[in-house]
């Protein structure tokens, strides 16, 4: 199996902002004094900062998960996890909305990919990847797109916003402590979600008054984590004493389809395939706690499918808005190994897009999809909900922000927005952010 690079930005006729993209960096990081320069350089190198407006970005402040209440809410290396917070102005109607957004950033599925994810520094004697450790995290982050502060950019500009930083390596799905079998790594995505909810309930009033709505979601790996945790949220909130909260999902790019890599690409992809890596991850990361009985019954002996978008999404009961690019840049970037350029590679990409279109069309036709929404571009894109493209790129004249507004019942419109064109990148691709 190949090792995923830390930033996945594939640039072709359309630009891509991947699920690994984080917001603009804050001024202060959790750096040891002797390693400040190295740490800051690493953060700048590993973070692809999206093109965002000069203003409108939301500032969110770090809150560490207390060991006293959530001892297992830790990163891969055992450092404390945490959530970044911006509380709403309680005097506005927007204060009834809460957003918990799970950061993306791939995952690991075996000792090789998990060890590489750490980026061990012999000088500092610690992991220097923010995707495996919180030791170099900033005190403040700034986010655009869905989490922006400008009403023209997002329908939830004034909501209570919680950004769960991703350092568990398990797409927010796992629940396994460190052991020799895990090469010493912790995989505690489930626990960091519970810890985030606890802070939202006990400190920021989620569930304290009637009429509140929680939008639970994320981008890329964060969307896949939200996918498998979404139906469990009402029970988790009930356990925390927060009752009567309307729960909705926002899933930006969780929809993997089970297609083998392009063996005829030039050069050929070295990626093992999303199905194979998910099988390995399911066992290593202990994802079984988020596999529902209904899904398991549908795939006897293939439990891993309950962590895979194409197979899991038909069993999601909580209403959601799903973003699924037909030319998903993360999947195609790994399956092809690079941006498609030859005729054969473009044919593969077009077949992939057709497969995605047909699969999501069948999903929409299911009765379980009632009250949910779909936003599907025919563009080379992936997880752009924290970028300017959230409000500027469109499907038949409708932006992702506009689709979310309709889904939330804040504006009229259709819950289904799909490009139906044919040909490679035939959608409104030129509107995507260039990085």
Foldseek 3Di string as FASTA:
>chain_A
DDADDFAFWFDDPFTAHALSAFEDADPAWLEDPVCVVVLVVVVVVNHDHFDADPAQWDKWFWDWQDCVVQVQCFFFQSATFTKTWDQFDPVDPLALEEEEAEGDTAAAQAPVNVVVQQCADPVVRGRSHQQGHRNTGGRMGIFAFQATLDCLRFVNNRYIYMYGRHRQRQLLQFADAADVLLVRTGRHSVSNVLSSLLCCVPPVPQQVDADHEYEYAYFDSRLLNCLLCQVVVQVSCVVSVRPRYQYEYERFAQADDFDAFDVPAVVGFPDGGPLVSLVSSCVNRVNQVSQDPVLCVVPPPRSSLCSHRLSNLLPDQRAYEYEHELQAQVRLCRSNVGPDDDPVSQVVSQVSSVVVVVSVVVSCPDPSNPLHAYAYALAHYGGCNRHSQQNFFDQVPAHVSNLVCCSVVNDDDDRYGYHDDGGRGPGSSVRHGHD
